[in-house]
Amino acid sequence: MKFEDGSPVPYGMVRFVNDSYETFGNINDGVVEIGDADGGVPPGVYKIAVQATIDEGEKRGESIIKTKYASVNTSGLEITVEENKSIDIVVEKP
Protein backbone atom coordinates (compact mmCIF):
# COMPACT_ATOMS: atom_id res chain seq x y z
CA MET A 1 0.00 0.00 0.00
CA LYS A 2 1.44 3.33 -1.01
CA PHE A 3 0.68 7.00 -1.37
CA GLU A 4 0.34 8.68 -4.77
CA ASP A 5 3.97 9.84 -4.54
CA GLY A 6 5.10 6.19 -4.30
CA SER A 7 6.09 6.28 -0.63
CA PRO A 8 4.77 3.40 1.51
CA VAL A 9 1.92 3.83 3.97
CA PRO A 10 3.88 3.15 7.18
CA TYR A 11 1.14 1.55 9.30
CA GLY A 12 -2.60 1.03 9.56
CA MET A 13 -5.35 -1.50 9.03
CA VAL A 14 -7.14 -2.76 5.91
CA ARG A 15 -10.59 -4.35 5.70
CA PHE A 16 -11.47 -6.61 2.74
CA VAL A 17 -15.20 -7.22 2.13
CA ASN A 18 -17.29 -9.04 -0.46
CA ASP A 19 -20.66 -10.84 -0.39
CA SER A 20 -19.27 -14.00 1.21
CA TYR A 21 -16.06 -13.06 3.04
CA GLU A 22 -14.58 -10.39 5.29
CA THR A 23 -11.13 -10.12 6.84
CA PHE A 24 -8.68 -7.58 8.19
CA GLY A 25 -4.97 -7.05 7.70
CA ASN A 26 -2.30 -4.80 9.16
CA ILE A 27 -0.17 -2.40 7.13
CA ASN A 28 3.53 -2.51 7.98
CA ASP A 29 5.78 -0.26 5.88
CA GLY A 30 3.54 -0.51 2.83
CA VAL A 31 2.93 -4.26 3.06
CA VAL A 32 -0.50 -5.61 4.05
CA GLU A 33 -0.10 -8.58 6.38
CA ILE A 34 -3.00 -11.02 6.77
CA GLY A 35 -2.86 -13.46 9.69
CA ASP A 36 -1.64 -16.98 8.89
CA ALA A 37 -4.76 -18.43 10.53
CA ASP A 38 -6.86 -16.95 7.71
CA GLY A 39 -4.56 -18.31 5.00
CA GLY A 40 -4.68 -14.98 3.20
CA VAL A 41 -7.54 -13.48 1.24
CA PRO A 42 -9.38 -15.95 -1.02
CA PRO A 43 -9.54 -15.05 -4.73
CA GLY A 44 -12.39 -12.72 -5.64
CA VAL A 45 -13.46 -9.10 -5.93
CA TYR A 46 -13.32 -7.05 -2.73
CA LYS A 47 -14.21 -3.58 -1.56
CA ILE A 48 -11.53 -2.17 0.73
CA ALA A 49 -11.48 0.21 3.69
CA VAL A 50 -8.23 1.58 5.11
CA GLN A 51 -7.50 3.27 8.41
CA ALA A 52 -4.14 4.81 9.24
CA THR A 53 -3.89 7.25 12.13
CA ILE A 54 -1.09 8.79 14.15
CA ASP A 55 -0.56 6.71 17.30
CA GLU A 56 1.09 9.18 19.66
CA GLY A 57 1.74 12.81 20.47
CA GLU A 58 -0.48 15.84 20.03
CA LYS A 59 -1.79 14.59 16.69
CA ARG A 60 -2.80 11.15 18.05
CA GLY A 61 -5.83 9.84 16.17
CA GLU A 62 -5.31 12.13 13.17
CA SER A 63 -5.57 10.28 9.86
CA ILE A 64 -2.52 10.15 7.59
CA ILE A 65 -4.78 9.29 4.63
CA LYS A 66 -8.01 10.88 3.36
CA THR A 67 -10.91 9.98 5.67
CA LYS A 68 -13.00 8.67 2.76
CA TYR A 69 -10.93 5.46 2.90
CA ALA A 70 -12.27 4.55 6.38
CA SER A 71 -15.42 2.90 4.94
CA VAL A 72 -15.91 0.37 2.14
CA ASN A 73 -18.92 2.48 1.11
CA THR A 74 -16.90 5.66 0.52
CA SER A 75 -13.33 4.53 -0.20
CA GLY A 76 -13.80 3.91 -3.92
CA LEU A 77 -11.26 1.09 -3.59
CA GLU A 78 -12.07 -2.25 -5.19
CA ILE A 79 -9.56 -4.97 -6.05
CA THR A 80 -9.54 -8.39 -7.65
CA VAL A 81 -7.50 -10.88 -5.64
CA GLU A 82 -5.84 -13.68 -7.61
CA GLU A 83 -3.73 -16.52 -6.19
CA ASN A 84 -0.01 -15.76 -5.86
CA LYS A 85 -0.34 -12.25 -7.28
CA SER A 86 0.52 -9.06 -5.42
CA ILE A 87 -1.59 -5.93 -5.77
CA ASP A 88 -0.60 -2.28 -5.44
CA ILE A 89 -3.15 -0.18 -3.58
CA VAL A 90 -2.74 3.59 -3.81
CA VAL A 91 -4.28 6.05 -1.33
CA GLU A 92 -4.17 9.83 -1.01
CA LYS A 93 -2.86 11.94 1.85
CA PRO A 94 -5.30 14.41 3.44
PDB file of N, CA and C in Angstrom:
ATOM      1  N   MET A   1       0.843  -1.157   0.000  1.00  0.00           N
ATOM      2  CA  MET A   1       0.000   0.000   0.000  1.00  0.00           C
ATOM      3  C   MET A   1       0.891   1.222   0.000  1.00  0.00           C
ATOM      4  N   LYS A   2       0.582   2.155  -0.895  1.00  0.00           N
ATOM      5  CA  LYS A   2       1.436   3.330  -1.012  1.00  0.00           C
ATOM      6  C   LYS A   2       0.607   4.579  -1.259  1.00  0.00           C
ATOM      7  N   PHE A   3       1.277   5.717  -1.058  1.00  0.00           N
ATOM      8  CA  PHE A   3       0.682   7.002  -1.373  1.00  0.00           C
ATOM      9  C   PHE A   3       0.898   7.292  -2.854  1.00  0.00           C
ATOM     10  N   GLU A   4       0.215   8.311  -3.359  1.00  0.00           N
ATOM     11  CA  GLU A   4       0.343   8.679  -4.773  1.00  0.00           C
ATOM     12  C   GLU A   4       1.776   9.018  -5.174  1.00  0.00           C
ATOM     13  N   ASP A   5       2.577   9.494  -4.219  1.00  0.00           N
ATOM     14  CA  ASP A   5       3.966   9.836  -4.539  1.00  0.00           C
ATOM     15  C   ASP A   5       4.892   8.620  -4.534  1.00  0.00           C
ATOM     16  N   GLY A   6       4.325   7.427  -4.279  1.00  0.00           N
ATOM     17  CA  GLY A   6       5.102   6.192  -4.296  1.00  0.00           C
ATOM     18  C   GLY A   6       5.661   5.772  -2.955  1.00  0.00           C
ATOM     19  N   SER A   7       5.577   6.640  -1.959  1.00  0.00           N
ATOM     20  CA  SER A   7       6.087   6.277  -0.632  1.00  0.00           C
ATOM     21  C   SER A   7       5.115   5.314   0.055  1.00  0.00           C
ATOM     22  N   PRO A   8       5.633   4.387   0.864  1.00  0.00           N
ATOM     23  CA  PRO A   8       4.767   3.397   1.505  1.00  0.00           C
ATOM     24  C   PRO A   8       3.932   3.991   2.636  1.00  0.00           C
ATOM     25  N   VAL A   9       2.723   3.488   2.792  1.00  0.00           N
ATOM     26  CA  VAL A   9       1.918   3.827   3.966  1.00  0.00           C
ATOM     27  C   VAL A   9       2.583   3.089   5.128  1.00  0.00           C
ATOM     28  N   PRO A  10       3.044   3.790   6.162  1.00  0.00           N
ATOM     29  CA  PRO A  10       3.875   3.146   7.178  1.00  0.00           C
ATOM     30  C   PRO A  10       3.147   2.157   8.086  1.00  0.00           C
ATOM     31  N   TYR A  11       1.883   2.398   8.367  1.00  0.00           N
ATOM     32  CA  TYR A  11       1.144   1.547   9.302  1.00  0.00           C
ATOM     33  C   TYR A  11      -0.348   1.783   9.115  1.00  0.00           C
ATOM     34  N   GLY A  12      -1.150   0.883   9.635  1.00  0.00           N
ATOM     35  CA  GLY A  12      -2.595   1.030   9.564  1.00  0.00           C
ATOM     36  C   GLY A  12      -3.277  -0.318   9.506  1.00  0.00           C
ATOM     37  N   MET A  13      -4.546  -0.293   9.110  1.00  0.00           N
ATOM     38  CA  MET A  13      -5.350  -1.501   9.028  1.00  0.00           C
ATOM     39  C   MET A  13      -6.180  -1.470   7.748  1.00  0.00           C
ATOM     40  N   VAL A  14      -6.359  -2.624   7.136  1.00  0.00           N
ATOM     41  CA  VAL A  14      -7.139  -2.756   5.908  1.00  0.00           C
ATOM     42  C   VAL A  14      -8.256  -3.759   6.139  1.00  0.00           C
ATOM     43  N   ARG A  15      -9.433  -3.449   5.626  1.00  0.00           N
ATOM     44  CA  ARG A  15     -10.587  -4.354   5.700  1.00  0.00           C
ATOM     45  C   ARG A  15     -10.954  -4.757   4.280  1.00  0.00           C
ATOM     46  N   PHE A  16     -11.073  -6.063   4.035  1.00  0.00           N
ATOM     47  CA  PHE A  16     -11.470  -6.614   2.740  1.00  0.00           C
ATOM     48  C   PHE A  16     -12.878  -7.183   2.890  1.00  0.00           C
ATOM     49  N   VAL A  17     -13.812  -6.781   2.013  1.00  0.00           N
ATOM     50  CA  VAL A  17     -15.204  -7.221   2.133  1.00  0.00           C
ATOM     51  C   VAL A  17     -15.767  -7.576   0.760  1.00  0.00           C
ATOM     52  N   ASN A  18     -16.433  -8.742   0.690  1.00  0.00           N
ATOM     53  CA  ASN A  18     -17.289  -9.041  -0.462  1.00  0.00           C
ATOM     54  C   ASN A  18     -18.543  -9.734   0.064  1.00  0.00           C
ATOM     55  N   ASP A  19     -19.384 -10.266  -0.818  1.00  0.00           N
ATOM     56  CA  ASP A  19     -20.660 -10.844  -0.388  1.00  0.00           C
ATOM     57  C   ASP A  19     -20.512 -12.052   0.521  1.00  0.00           C
ATOM     58  N   SER A  20     -19.392 -12.762   0.442  1.00  0.00           N
ATOM     59  CA  SER A  20     -19.266 -14.004   1.209  1.00  0.00           C
ATOM     60  C   SER A  20     -18.079 -14.051   2.168  1.00  0.00           C
ATOM     61  N   TYR A  21     -17.272 -12.980   2.222  1.00  0.00           N
ATOM     62  CA  TYR A  21     -16.058 -13.059   3.041  1.00  0.00           C
ATOM     63  C   TYR A  21     -15.658 -11.672   3.528  1.00  0.00           C
ATOM     64  N   GLU A  22     -15.120 -11.631   4.736  1.00  0.00           N
ATOM     65  CA  GLU A  22     -14.581 -10.390   5.286  1.00  0.00           C
ATOM     66  C   GLU A  22     -13.373 -10.720   6.149  1.00  0.00           C
ATOM     67  N   THR A  23     -12.306  -9.939   5.999  1.00  0.00           N
ATOM     68  CA  THR A  23     -11.132 -10.119   6.845  1.00  0.00           C
ATOM     69  C   THR A  23     -10.399  -8.793   6.985  1.00  0.00           C
ATOM     70  N   PHE A  24      -9.471  -8.775   7.914  1.00  0.00           N
ATOM     71  CA  PHE A  24      -8.681  -7.581   8.190  1.00  0.00           C
ATOM     72  C   PHE A  24      -7.202  -7.902   8.058  1.00  0.00           C
ATOM     73  N   GLY A  25      -6.419  -6.899   7.734  1.00  0.00           N
ATOM     74  CA  GLY A  25      -4.973  -7.048   7.697  1.00  0.00           C
ATOM     75  C   GLY A  25      -4.312  -5.798   8.229  1.00  0.00           C
ATOM     76  N   ASN A  26      -3.078  -5.930   8.656  1.00  0.00           N
ATOM     77  CA  ASN A  26      -2.302  -4.797   9.155  1.00  0.00           C
ATOM     78  C   ASN A  26      -1.340  -4.310   8.085  1.00  0.00           C
ATOM     79  N   ILE A  27      -1.134  -3.005   8.047  1.00  0.00           N
ATOM     80  CA  ILE A  27      -0.166  -2.403   7.133  1.00  0.00           C
ATOM     81  C   ILE A  27       1.125  -2.192   7.911  1.00  0.00           C
ATOM     82  N   ASN A  28       2.220  -2.690   7.369  1.00  0.00           N
ATOM     83  CA  ASN A  28       3.531  -2.508   7.977  1.00  0.00           C
ATOM     84  C   ASN A  28       4.508  -2.085   6.890  1.00  0.00           C
ATOM     85  N   ASP A  29       4.857  -0.811   6.878  1.00  0.00           N
ATOM     86  CA  ASP A  29       5.780  -0.257   5.885  1.00  0.00           C
ATOM     87  C   ASP A  29       5.348  -0.559   4.448  1.00  0.00           C
ATOM     88  N   GLY A  30       4.064  -0.350   4.177  1.00  0.00           N
ATOM     89  CA  GLY A  30       3.544  -0.507   2.828  1.00  0.00           C
ATOM     90  C   GLY A  30       3.073  -1.899   2.457  1.00  0.00           C
ATOM     91  N   VAL A  31       3.328  -2.877   3.331  1.00  0.00           N
ATOM     92  CA  VAL A  31       2.925  -4.261   3.060  1.00  0.00           C
ATOM     93  C   VAL A  31       1.719  -4.610   3.926  1.00  0.00           C
ATOM     94  N   VAL A  32       0.682  -5.173   3.302  1.00  0.00           N
ATOM     95  CA  VAL A  32      -0.499  -5.609   4.045  1.00  0.00           C
ATOM     96  C   VAL A  32      -0.268  -7.045   4.492  1.00  0.00           C
ATOM     97  N   GLU A  33      -0.336  -7.255   5.794  1.00  0.00           N
ATOM     98  CA  GLU A  33      -0.101  -8.579   6.375  1.00  0.00           C
ATOM     99  C   GLU A  33      -1.421  -9.146   6.880  1.00  0.00           C
ATOM    100  N   ILE A  34      -1.794 -10.309   6.346  1.00  0.00           N
ATOM    101  CA  ILE A  34      -3.000 -11.018   6.769  1.00  0.00           C
ATOM    102  C   ILE A  34      -2.549 -12.164   7.658  1.00  0.00           C
ATOM    103  N   GLY A  35      -3.239 -12.391   8.759  1.00  0.00           N
ATOM    104  CA  GLY A  35      -2.858 -13.459   9.687  1.00  0.00           C
ATOM    105  C   GLY A  35      -2.791 -14.821   9.028  1.00  0.00           C
ATOM    106  N   ASP A  36      -1.817 -15.636   9.442  1.00  0.00           N
ATOM    107  CA  ASP A  36      -1.643 -16.981   8.891  1.00  0.00           C
ATOM    108  C   ASP A  36      -2.856 -17.863   9.141  1.00  0.00           C
ATOM    109  N   ALA A  37      -3.587 -17.612  10.218  1.00  0.00           N
ATOM    110  CA  ALA A  37      -4.763 -18.428  10.535  1.00  0.00           C
ATOM    111  C   ALA A  37      -5.815 -18.321   9.437  1.00  0.00           C
ATOM    112  N   ASP A  38      -5.895 -17.149   8.791  1.00  0.00           N
ATOM    113  CA  ASP A  38      -6.857 -16.952   7.709  1.00  0.00           C
ATOM    114  C   ASP A  38      -6.386 -17.566   6.401  1.00  0.00           C
ATOM    115  N   GLY A  39      -5.079 -17.777   6.249  1.00  0.00           N
ATOM    116  CA  GLY A  39      -4.559 -18.310   5.000  1.00  0.00           C
ATOM    117  C   GLY A  39      -4.557 -17.291   3.881  1.00  0.00           C
ATOM    118  N   GLY A  40      -4.644 -16.022   4.220  1.00  0.00           N
ATOM    119  CA  GLY A  40      -4.679 -14.980   3.205  1.00  0.00           C
ATOM    120  C   GLY A  40      -6.100 -14.694   2.762  1.00  0.00           C
ATOM    121  N   VAL A  41      -6.228 -13.858   1.765  1.00  0.00           N
ATOM    122  CA  VAL A  41      -7.540 -13.480   1.243  1.00  0.00           C
ATOM    123  C   VAL A  41      -7.867 -14.387   0.065  1.00  0.00           C
ATOM    124  N   PRO A  42      -9.006 -15.085   0.103  1.00  0.00           N
ATOM    125  CA  PRO A  42      -9.380 -15.948  -1.018  1.00  0.00           C
ATOM    126  C   PRO A  42      -9.565 -15.138  -2.307  1.00  0.00           C
ATOM    127  N   PRO A  43      -9.328 -15.754  -3.461  1.00  0.00           N
ATOM    128  CA  PRO A  43      -9.544 -15.051  -4.727  1.00  0.00           C
ATOM    129  C   PRO A  43     -10.963 -14.501  -4.817  1.00  0.00           C
ATOM    130  N   GLY A  44     -11.088 -13.347  -5.460  1.00  0.00           N
ATOM    131  CA  GLY A  44     -12.390 -12.717  -5.637  1.00  0.00           C
ATOM    132  C   GLY A  44     -12.260 -11.211  -5.727  1.00  0.00           C
ATOM    133  N   VAL A  45     -13.401 -10.556  -5.857  1.00  0.00           N
ATOM    134  CA  VAL A  45     -13.461  -9.097  -5.932  1.00  0.00           C
ATOM    135  C   VAL A  45     -13.853  -8.572  -4.555  1.00  0.00           C
ATOM    136  N   TYR A  46     -13.109  -7.588  -4.068  1.00  0.00           N
ATOM    137  CA  TYR A  46     -13.321  -7.049  -2.726  1.00  0.00           C
ATOM    138  C   TYR A  46     -13.383  -5.531  -2.739  1.00  0.00           C
ATOM    139  N   LYS A  47     -14.258  -4.996  -1.894  1.00  0.00           N
ATOM    140  CA  LYS A  47     -14.209  -3.582  -1.555  1.00  0.00           C
ATOM    141  C   LYS A  47     -13.247  -3.473  -0.386  1.00  0.00           C
ATOM    142  N   ILE A  48     -12.556  -2.337  -0.298  1.00  0.00           N
ATOM    143  CA  ILE A  48     -11.532  -2.166   0.728  1.00  0.00           C
ATOM    144  C   ILE A  48     -11.765  -0.881   1.510  1.00  0.00           C
ATOM    145  N   ALA A  49     -11.533  -0.968   2.818  1.00  0.00           N
ATOM    146  CA  ALA A  49     -11.483   0.206   3.688  1.00  0.00           C
ATOM    147  C   ALA A  49     -10.103   0.232   4.328  1.00  0.00           C
ATOM    148  N   VAL A  50      -9.569   1.429   4.532  1.00  0.00           N
ATOM    149  CA  VAL A  50      -8.231   1.580   5.106  1.00  0.00           C
ATOM    150  C   VAL A  50      -8.287   2.625   6.215  1.00  0.00           C
ATOM    151  N   GLN A  51      -7.651   2.305   7.329  1.00  0.00           N
ATOM    152  CA  GLN A  51      -7.505   3.272   8.414  1.00  0.00           C
ATOM    153  C   GLN A  51      -6.032   3.367   8.770  1.00  0.00           C
ATOM    154  N   ALA A  52      -5.539   4.582   8.866  1.00  0.00           N
ATOM    155  CA  ALA A  52      -4.143   4.812   9.239  1.00  0.00           C
ATOM    156  C   ALA A  52      -4.083   6.136   9.989  1.00  0.00           C
ATOM    157  N   THR A  53      -3.907   6.050  11.300  1.00  0.00           N
ATOM    158  CA  THR A  53      -3.889   7.249  12.132  1.00  0.00           C
ATOM    159  C   THR A  53      -2.592   7.342  12.932  1.00  0.00           C
ATOM    160  N   ILE A  54      -2.273   8.552  13.325  1.00  0.00           N
ATOM    161  CA  ILE A  54      -1.089   8.789  14.149  1.00  0.00           C
ATOM    162  C   ILE A  54      -1.346   8.194  15.530  1.00  0.00           C
ATOM    163  N   ASP A  55      -0.375   7.444  16.055  1.00  0.00           N
ATOM    164  CA  ASP A  55      -0.558   6.708  17.302  1.00  0.00           C
ATOM    165  C   ASP A  55      -0.162   7.460  18.565  1.00  0.00           C
ATOM    166  N   GLU A  56       0.608   8.518  18.442  1.00  0.00           N
ATOM    167  CA  GLU A  56       1.085   9.176  19.663  1.00  0.00           C
ATOM    168  C   GLU A  56       1.271  10.667  19.450  1.00  0.00           C
ATOM    169  N   GLY A  57       1.497  11.379  20.539  1.00  0.00           N
ATOM    170  CA  GLY A  57       1.742  12.810  20.471  1.00  0.00           C
ATOM    171  C   GLY A  57       0.472  13.629  20.367  1.00  0.00           C
ATOM    172  N   GLU A  58       0.649  14.911  20.100  1.00  0.00           N
ATOM    173  CA  GLU A  58      -0.479  15.838  20.034  1.00  0.00           C
ATOM    174  C   GLU A  58      -1.442  15.518  18.896  1.00  0.00           C
ATOM    175  N   LYS A  59      -0.945  14.891  17.846  1.00  0.00           N
ATOM    176  CA  LYS A  59      -1.792  14.586  16.686  1.00  0.00           C
ATOM    177  C   LYS A  59      -2.365  13.171  16.734  1.00  0.00           C
ATOM    178  N   ARG A  60      -2.288  12.517  17.883  1.00  0.00           N
ATOM    179  CA  ARG A  60      -2.800  11.153  18.054  1.00  0.00           C
ATOM    180  C   ARG A  60      -4.241  11.066  17.536  1.00  0.00           C
ATOM    181  N   GLY A  61      -4.508  10.048  16.729  1.00  0.00           N
ATOM    182  CA  GLY A  61      -5.833   9.837  16.169  1.00  0.00           C
ATOM    183  C   GLY A  61      -6.072  10.534  14.843  1.00  0.00           C
ATOM    184  N   GLU A  62      -5.175  11.428  14.442  1.00  0.00           N
ATOM    185  CA  GLU A  62      -5.309  12.135  13.172  1.00  0.00           C
ATOM    186  C   GLU A  62      -4.956  11.188  12.026  1.00  0.00           C
ATOM    187  N   SER A  63      -5.786  11.183  10.989  1.00  0.00           N
ATOM    188  CA  SER A  63      -5.569  10.283   9.859  1.00  0.00           C
ATOM    189  C   SER A  63      -4.419  10.766   8.982  1.00  0.00           C
ATOM    190  N   ILE A  64      -3.604   9.814   8.512  1.00  0.00           N
ATOM    191  CA  ILE A  64      -2.517  10.151   7.586  1.00  0.00           C
ATOM    192  C   ILE A  64      -2.941   9.909   6.136  1.00  0.00           C
ATOM    193  N   ILE A  65      -4.195   9.459   5.966  1.00  0.00           N
ATOM    194  CA  ILE A  65      -4.781   9.293   4.632  1.00  0.00           C
ATOM    195  C   ILE A  65      -6.134  10.003   4.624  1.00  0.00           C
ATOM    196  N   LYS A  66      -6.696  10.235   3.439  1.00  0.00           N
ATOM    197  CA  LYS A  66      -8.010  10.876   3.365  1.00  0.00           C
ATOM    198  C   LYS A  66      -9.038  10.025   4.106  1.00  0.00           C
ATOM    199  N   THR A  67      -9.935  10.685   4.831  1.00  0.00           N
ATOM    200  CA  THR A  67     -10.908   9.977   5.667  1.00  0.00           C
ATOM    201  C   THR A  67     -11.917   9.166   4.855  1.00  0.00           C
ATOM    202  N   LYS A  68     -12.066   9.444   3.581  1.00  0.00           N
ATOM    203  CA  LYS A  68     -13.001   8.673   2.755  1.00  0.00           C
ATOM    204  C   LYS A  68     -12.642   7.192   2.720  1.00  0.00           C
ATOM    205  N   TYR A  69     -11.380   6.856   2.963  1.00  0.00           N
ATOM    206  CA  TYR A  69     -10.930   5.465   2.902  1.00  0.00           C
ATOM    207  C   TYR A  69     -11.363   4.631   4.107  1.00  0.00           C
ATOM    208  N   ALA A  70     -11.916   5.251   5.146  1.00  0.00           N
ATOM    209  CA  ALA A  70     -12.273   4.548   6.381  1.00  0.00           C
ATOM    210  C   ALA A  70     -13.459   3.597   6.213  1.00  0.00           C
ATOM    211  N   SER A  71     -14.241   3.743   5.157  1.00  0.00           N
ATOM    212  CA  SER A  71     -15.423   2.901   4.940  1.00  0.00           C
ATOM    213  C   SER A  71     -15.386   2.270   3.551  1.00  0.00           C
ATOM    214  N   VAL A  72     -15.831   1.017   3.458  1.00  0.00           N
ATOM    215  CA  VAL A  72     -15.906   0.372   2.143  1.00  0.00           C
ATOM    216  C   VAL A  72     -16.933   1.070   1.259  1.00  0.00           C
ATOM    217  N   ASN A  73     -17.885   1.789   1.868  1.00  0.00           N
ATOM    218  CA  ASN A  73     -18.924   2.477   1.105  1.00  0.00           C
ATOM    219  C   ASN A  73     -18.455   3.795   0.499  1.00  0.00           C
ATOM    220  N   THR A  74     -17.366   4.363   1.017  1.00  0.00           N
ATOM    221  CA  THR A  74     -16.896   5.659   0.525  1.00  0.00           C
ATOM    222  C   THR A  74     -15.471   5.641  -0.024  1.00  0.00           C
ATOM    223  N   SER A  75     -14.750   4.552   0.179  1.00  0.00           N
ATOM    224  CA  SER A  75     -13.328   4.526  -0.199  1.00  0.00           C
ATOM    225  C   SER A  75     -13.098   4.583  -1.704  1.00  0.00           C
ATOM    226  N   GLY A  76     -14.006   3.991  -2.473  1.00  0.00           N
ATOM    227  CA  GLY A  76     -13.799   3.913  -3.915  1.00  0.00           C
ATOM    228  C   GLY A  76     -12.757   2.881  -4.312  1.00  0.00           C
ATOM    229  N   LEU A  77     -12.285   2.104  -3.328  1.00  0.00           N
ATOM    230  CA  LEU A  77     -11.263   1.091  -3.594  1.00  0.00           C
ATOM    231  C   LEU A  77     -11.898  -0.277  -3.785  1.00  0.00           C
ATOM    232  N   GLU A  78     -11.602  -0.898  -4.907  1.00  0.00           N
ATOM    233  CA  GLU A  78     -12.068  -2.254  -5.190  1.00  0.00           C
ATOM    234  C   GLU A  78     -10.930  -2.983  -5.893  1.00  0.00           C
ATOM    235  N   ILE A  79     -10.650  -4.200  -5.443  1.00  0.00           N
ATOM    236  CA  ILE A  79      -9.560  -4.967  -6.047  1.00  0.00           C
ATOM    237  C   ILE A  79     -10.039  -6.361  -6.405  1.00  0.00           C
ATOM    238  N   THR A  80      -9.324  -6.985  -7.325  1.00  0.00           N
ATOM    239  CA  THR A  80      -9.539  -8.387  -7.651  1.00  0.00           C
ATOM    240  C   THR A  80      -8.331  -9.158  -7.151  1.00  0.00           C
ATOM    241  N   VAL A  81      -8.570 -10.066  -6.209  1.00  0.00           N
ATOM    242  CA  VAL A  81      -7.501 -10.880  -5.638  1.00  0.00           C
ATOM    243  C   VAL A  81      -7.371 -12.156  -6.454  1.00  0.00           C
ATOM    244  N   GLU A  82      -6.151 -12.445  -6.899  1.00  0.00           N
ATOM    245  CA  GLU A  82      -5.842 -13.679  -7.607  1.00  0.00           C
ATOM    246  C   GLU A  82      -4.759 -14.407  -6.822  1.00  0.00           C
ATOM    247  N   GLU A  83      -4.737 -15.736  -6.915  1.00  0.00           N
ATOM    248  CA  GLU A  83      -3.734 -16.517  -6.188  1.00  0.00           C
ATOM    249  C   GLU A  83      -2.325 -16.138  -6.621  1.00  0.00           C
ATOM    250  N   ASN A  84      -1.438 -16.019  -5.631  1.00  0.00           N
ATOM    251  CA  ASN A  84      -0.009 -15.759  -5.855  1.00  0.00           C
ATOM    252  C   ASN A  84       0.282 -14.514  -6.683  1.00  0.00           C
ATOM    253  N   LYS A  85      -0.566 -13.492  -6.548  1.00  0.00           N
ATOM    254  CA  LYS A  85      -0.340 -12.254  -7.284  1.00  0.00           C
ATOM    255  C   LYS A  85      -0.443 -11.085  -6.309  1.00  0.00           C
ATOM    256  N   SER A  86       0.571 -10.223  -6.299  1.00  0.00           N
ATOM    257  CA  SER A  86       0.524  -9.057  -5.418  1.00  0.00           C
ATOM    258  C   SER A  86      -0.245  -7.923  -6.098  1.00  0.00           C
ATOM    259  N   ILE A  87      -0.767  -7.030  -5.279  1.00  0.00           N
ATOM    260  CA  ILE A  87      -1.588  -5.926  -5.769  1.00  0.00           C
ATOM    261  C   ILE A  87      -1.078  -4.633  -5.153  1.00  0.00           C
ATOM    262  N   ASP A  88      -0.947  -3.601  -5.956  1.00  0.00           N
ATOM    263  CA  ASP A  88      -0.602  -2.280  -5.440  1.00  0.00           C
ATOM    264  C   ASP A  88      -1.887  -1.511  -5.170  1.00  0.00           C
ATOM    265  N   ILE A  89      -2.013  -1.005  -3.959  1.00  0.00           N
ATOM    266  CA  ILE A  89      -3.152  -0.181  -3.581  1.00  0.00           C
ATOM    267  C   ILE A  89      -2.610   1.212  -3.307  1.00  0.00           C
ATOM    268  N   VAL A  90      -3.209   2.215  -3.947  1.00  0.00           N
ATOM    269  CA  VAL A  90      -2.739   3.591  -3.814  1.00  0.00           C
ATOM    270  C   VAL A  90      -3.805   4.422  -3.106  1.00  0.00           C
ATOM    271  N   VAL A  91      -3.375   5.164  -2.069  1.00  0.00           N
ATOM    272  CA  VAL A  91      -4.278   6.050  -1.334  1.00  0.00           C
ATOM    273  C   VAL A  91      -3.705   7.465  -1.335  1.00  0.00           C
ATOM    274  N   GLU A  92      -4.567   8.432  -1.020  1.00  0.00           N
ATOM    275  CA  GLU A  92      -4.169   9.835  -1.013  1.00  0.00           C
ATOM    276  C   GLU A  92      -3.979  10.345   0.413  1.00  0.00           C
ATOM    277  N   LYS A  93      -3.042  11.250   0.576  1.00  0.00           N
ATOM    278  CA  LYS A  93      -2.856  11.936   1.853  1.00  0.00           C
ATOM    279  C   LYS A  93      -3.952  12.992   1.997  1.00  0.00           C
ATOM    280  N   PRO A  94      -4.256  13.378   3.247  1.00  0.00           N
ATOM    281  CA  PRO A  94      -5.302  14.407   3.440  1.00  0.00           C
ATOM    282  C   PRO A  94      -4.887  15.755   2.877  1.00  0.00           C
TER     283      PRO A  94
END
